[in-house]
Amino acid sequence: MPVTPAEGDITFTFSFENRVETLRLKYDTQTEIISPECGAFVNYINLDVADTSFEVVEILNNRLTLNAPVNVQIRVD
């Protein structure tokens, strides 16, 4: 599920065998003009947990990038 510059948050729902967990992440957008020829690029920054039913959620990288291997780590017991 992709993030969108029109919104400031995104909610994920995880269904397990006998339970459902949710994670809502919030973020800010920052538009950067690459060049007049290339146009604008939207950066997604300040990623943070807005709400969750998980006991442990850790933000490992608070800037969404294409080369970040992991942004959020969730522990499921």
N, C-alpha and C. Protein backbone atom coordinates (compact mmCIF):
# COMPACT_ATOMS: atom_id res chain seq x y z
N MET A 1 0.85 -1.17 0.00
CA MET A 1 0.00 0.00 0.00
C MET A 1 0.90 1.24 0.00
N PRO A 2 0.81 2.06 -1.01
CA PRO A 2 1.68 3.23 -1.08
C PRO A 2 1.15 4.39 -0.23
N VAL A 3 2.08 5.25 0.19
CA VAL A 3 1.70 6.49 0.87
C VAL A 3 1.32 7.50 -0.20
N THR A 4 0.63 8.54 0.21
CA THR A 4 0.18 9.55 -0.74
C THR A 4 0.41 10.95 -0.17
N PRO A 5 0.83 11.90 -0.99
CA PRO A 5 1.06 13.25 -0.48
C PRO A 5 -0.23 13.95 -0.05
N ALA A 6 -1.38 13.47 -0.51
CA ALA A 6 -2.65 14.09 -0.14
C ALA A 6 -3.07 13.75 1.29
N GLU A 7 -2.47 12.74 1.87
CA GLU A 7 -2.80 12.30 3.23
C GLU A 7 -1.59 12.51 4.13
N GLY A 8 -1.80 12.48 5.43
CA GLY A 8 -0.71 12.61 6.39
C GLY A 8 -0.51 11.36 7.21
N ASP A 9 -1.27 10.31 6.87
CA ASP A 9 -1.13 9.06 7.60
C ASP A 9 -1.58 7.89 6.74
N ILE A 10 -1.26 6.71 7.20
CA ILE A 10 -1.65 5.48 6.51
C ILE A 10 -1.88 4.41 7.57
N THR A 11 -2.91 3.60 7.39
CA THR A 11 -3.24 2.54 8.34
C THR A 11 -3.07 1.18 7.68
N PHE A 12 -2.40 0.29 8.40
CA PHE A 12 -2.20 -1.09 7.95
C PHE A 12 -2.98 -2.00 8.89
N THR A 13 -3.63 -3.01 8.34
CA THR A 13 -4.34 -4.01 9.13
C THR A 13 -3.70 -5.37 8.85
N PHE A 14 -3.33 -6.06 9.93
CA PHE A 14 -2.68 -7.36 9.85
C PHE A 14 -3.63 -8.40 10.42
N SER A 15 -3.96 -9.41 9.64
CA SER A 15 -4.85 -10.48 10.09
C SER A 15 -4.02 -11.73 10.35
N PHE A 16 -4.12 -12.22 11.57
CA PHE A 16 -3.45 -13.45 11.97
C PHE A 16 -4.52 -14.53 12.14
N GLU A 17 -4.12 -15.72 12.55
CA GLU A 17 -5.08 -16.82 12.69
C GLU A 17 -6.25 -16.49 13.58
N ASN A 18 -5.99 -15.87 14.72
CA ASN A 18 -7.09 -15.62 15.66
C ASN A 18 -7.15 -14.18 16.16
N ARG A 19 -6.53 -13.25 15.44
CA ARG A 19 -6.58 -11.86 15.87
C ARG A 19 -6.27 -10.91 14.72
N VAL A 20 -6.63 -9.66 14.93
CA VAL A 20 -6.36 -8.60 13.97
C VAL A 20 -5.63 -7.49 14.70
N GLU A 21 -4.54 -7.00 14.13
CA GLU A 21 -3.75 -5.91 14.71
C GLU A 21 -3.71 -4.77 13.70
N THR A 22 -3.60 -3.55 14.21
CA THR A 22 -3.52 -2.39 13.31
C THR A 22 -2.31 -1.54 13.66
N LEU A 23 -1.86 -0.82 12.65
CA LEU A 23 -0.74 0.11 12.81
C LEU A 23 -1.04 1.33 11.95
N ARG A 24 -1.12 2.48 12.59
CA ARG A 24 -1.33 3.74 11.86
C ARG A 24 -0.07 4.57 11.98
N LEU A 25 0.51 4.89 10.84
CA LEU A 25 1.72 5.69 10.79
C LEU A 25 1.38 7.08 10.27
N LYS A 26 2.03 8.09 10.84
CA LYS A 26 1.85 9.45 10.34
C LYS A 26 3.18 9.92 9.74
N TYR A 27 3.09 10.88 8.85
CA TYR A 27 4.27 11.39 8.16
C TYR A 27 3.99 12.79 7.65
N ASP A 28 5.05 13.52 7.37
CA ASP A 28 4.96 14.83 6.74
C ASP A 28 5.49 14.71 5.32
N THR A 29 5.05 15.62 4.47
CA THR A 29 5.58 15.66 3.11
C THR A 29 6.40 16.92 2.92
N GLN A 30 7.41 16.82 2.08
CA GLN A 30 8.28 17.95 1.77
C GLN A 30 8.56 17.88 0.27
N THR A 31 8.11 18.89 -0.45
CA THR A 31 8.32 18.91 -1.89
C THR A 31 9.66 19.56 -2.21
N GLU A 32 10.41 18.89 -3.06
CA GLU A 32 11.74 19.37 -3.44
C GLU A 32 11.77 19.51 -4.97
N ILE A 33 12.18 20.68 -5.44
CA ILE A 33 12.33 20.89 -6.88
C ILE A 33 13.70 20.36 -7.27
N ILE A 34 13.72 19.29 -8.03
CA ILE A 34 14.97 18.68 -8.47
C ILE A 34 15.64 19.59 -9.50
N SER A 35 14.90 19.95 -10.54
CA SER A 35 15.36 20.89 -11.56
C SER A 35 14.13 21.30 -12.38
N PRO A 36 14.22 22.40 -13.10
CA PRO A 36 13.07 22.78 -13.92
C PRO A 36 12.71 21.72 -14.96
N GLU A 37 13.70 20.97 -15.44
CA GLU A 37 13.44 19.93 -16.43
C GLU A 37 12.81 18.68 -15.81
N CYS A 38 13.24 18.34 -14.61
CA CYS A 38 12.76 17.11 -13.96
C CYS A 38 11.49 17.32 -13.14
N GLY A 39 11.27 18.52 -12.68
CA GLY A 39 10.08 18.80 -11.87
C GLY A 39 10.32 18.56 -10.39
N ALA A 40 9.24 18.25 -9.69
CA ALA A 40 9.29 18.13 -8.23
C ALA A 40 9.32 16.68 -7.79
N PHE A 41 9.87 16.48 -6.59
CA PHE A 41 9.90 15.17 -5.95
C PHE A 41 9.37 15.35 -4.54
N VAL A 42 8.49 14.45 -4.11
CA VAL A 42 7.92 14.53 -2.76
C VAL A 42 8.72 13.63 -1.83
N ASN A 43 9.24 14.22 -0.76
CA ASN A 43 9.92 13.47 0.30
C ASN A 43 8.92 13.21 1.42
N TYR A 44 8.95 12.01 1.96
CA TYR A 44 8.11 11.64 3.10
C TYR A 44 9.01 11.56 4.32
N ILE A 45 8.77 12.46 5.27
CA ILE A 45 9.67 12.60 6.42
C ILE A 45 8.89 12.53 7.73
N ASN A 46 9.63 12.46 8.82
CA ASN A 46 9.06 12.45 10.18
C ASN A 46 8.07 11.30 10.38
N LEU A 47 8.40 10.14 9.84
CA LEU A 47 7.57 8.95 10.03
C LEU A 47 7.50 8.62 11.51
N ASP A 48 6.29 8.40 12.01
CA ASP A 48 6.10 8.10 13.43
C ASP A 48 4.83 7.27 13.60
N VAL A 49 4.74 6.59 14.72
CA VAL A 49 3.57 5.77 15.04
C VAL A 49 2.49 6.69 15.60
N ALA A 50 1.35 6.74 14.95
CA ALA A 50 0.22 7.53 15.43
C ALA A 50 -0.66 6.71 16.36
N ASP A 51 -0.82 5.41 16.04
CA ASP A 51 -1.65 4.53 16.85
C ASP A 51 -1.33 3.09 16.44
N THR A 52 -1.40 2.19 17.40
CA THR A 52 -1.15 0.78 17.09
C THR A 52 -1.75 -0.11 18.17
N SER A 53 -2.06 -1.32 17.78
CA SER A 53 -2.49 -2.32 18.75
C SER A 53 -1.34 -3.29 19.07
N PHE A 54 -0.22 -3.16 18.36
CA PHE A 54 0.96 -3.97 18.66
C PHE A 54 1.62 -3.48 19.94
N GLU A 55 2.23 -4.40 20.66
CA GLU A 55 2.94 -4.03 21.89
C GLU A 55 4.25 -3.32 21.60
N VAL A 56 4.97 -3.76 20.58
CA VAL A 56 6.28 -3.20 20.28
C VAL A 56 6.36 -2.82 18.80
N VAL A 57 6.54 -1.53 18.54
CA VAL A 57 6.76 -1.02 17.19
C VAL A 57 7.93 -0.06 17.27
N GLU A 58 8.90 -0.25 16.39
CA GLU A 58 10.09 0.60 16.41
C GLU A 58 10.29 1.21 15.02
N ILE A 59 10.45 2.53 14.99
CA ILE A 59 10.78 3.23 13.75
C ILE A 59 12.28 3.17 13.58
N LEU A 60 12.75 2.51 12.55
CA LEU A 60 14.18 2.37 12.30
C LEU A 60 14.70 3.46 11.37
N ASN A 61 13.86 3.96 10.51
CA ASN A 61 14.23 5.04 9.58
C ASN A 61 13.01 5.93 9.43
N ASN A 62 13.09 7.18 9.89
CA ASN A 62 11.90 8.04 9.89
C ASN A 62 11.72 8.82 8.59
N ARG A 63 12.50 8.48 7.58
CA ARG A 63 12.37 9.09 6.26
C ARG A 63 12.14 7.96 5.25
N LEU A 64 11.00 7.99 4.58
CA LEU A 64 10.70 6.95 3.59
C LEU A 64 11.53 7.18 2.34
N THR A 65 12.36 6.22 2.02
CA THR A 65 13.19 6.31 0.83
C THR A 65 13.12 4.98 0.07
N LEU A 66 13.48 5.05 -1.19
CA LEU A 66 13.47 3.84 -2.00
C LEU A 66 14.55 2.85 -1.62
N ASN A 67 15.64 3.34 -1.03
CA ASN A 67 16.76 2.45 -0.72
C ASN A 67 16.83 2.04 0.75
N ALA A 68 15.85 2.40 1.56
CA ALA A 68 15.84 1.99 2.96
C ALA A 68 15.34 0.55 3.05
N PRO A 69 16.15 -0.37 3.57
CA PRO A 69 15.71 -1.76 3.63
C PRO A 69 14.54 -1.96 4.60
N VAL A 70 14.52 -1.22 5.71
CA VAL A 70 13.45 -1.37 6.71
C VAL A 70 13.16 0.00 7.32
N ASN A 71 11.88 0.37 7.36
CA ASN A 71 11.49 1.61 8.03
C ASN A 71 10.89 1.34 9.41
N VAL A 72 10.09 0.29 9.50
CA VAL A 72 9.38 -0.01 10.73
C VAL A 72 9.58 -1.48 11.07
N GLN A 73 9.85 -1.72 12.34
CA GLN A 73 9.98 -3.10 12.83
C GLN A 73 8.88 -3.35 13.85
N ILE A 74 8.16 -4.46 13.67
CA ILE A 74 7.06 -4.83 14.56
C ILE A 74 7.39 -6.16 15.18
N ARG A 75 7.21 -6.26 16.48
CA ARG A 75 7.40 -7.53 17.17
C ARG A 75 6.03 -8.16 17.42
N VAL A 76 5.88 -9.39 16.97
CA VAL A 76 4.64 -10.12 17.16
C VAL A 76 4.94 -11.33 18.03
N ASP A 77 4.27 -11.38 19.17
CA ASP A 77 4.46 -12.52 20.09
C ASP A 77 3.33 -13.52 19.97
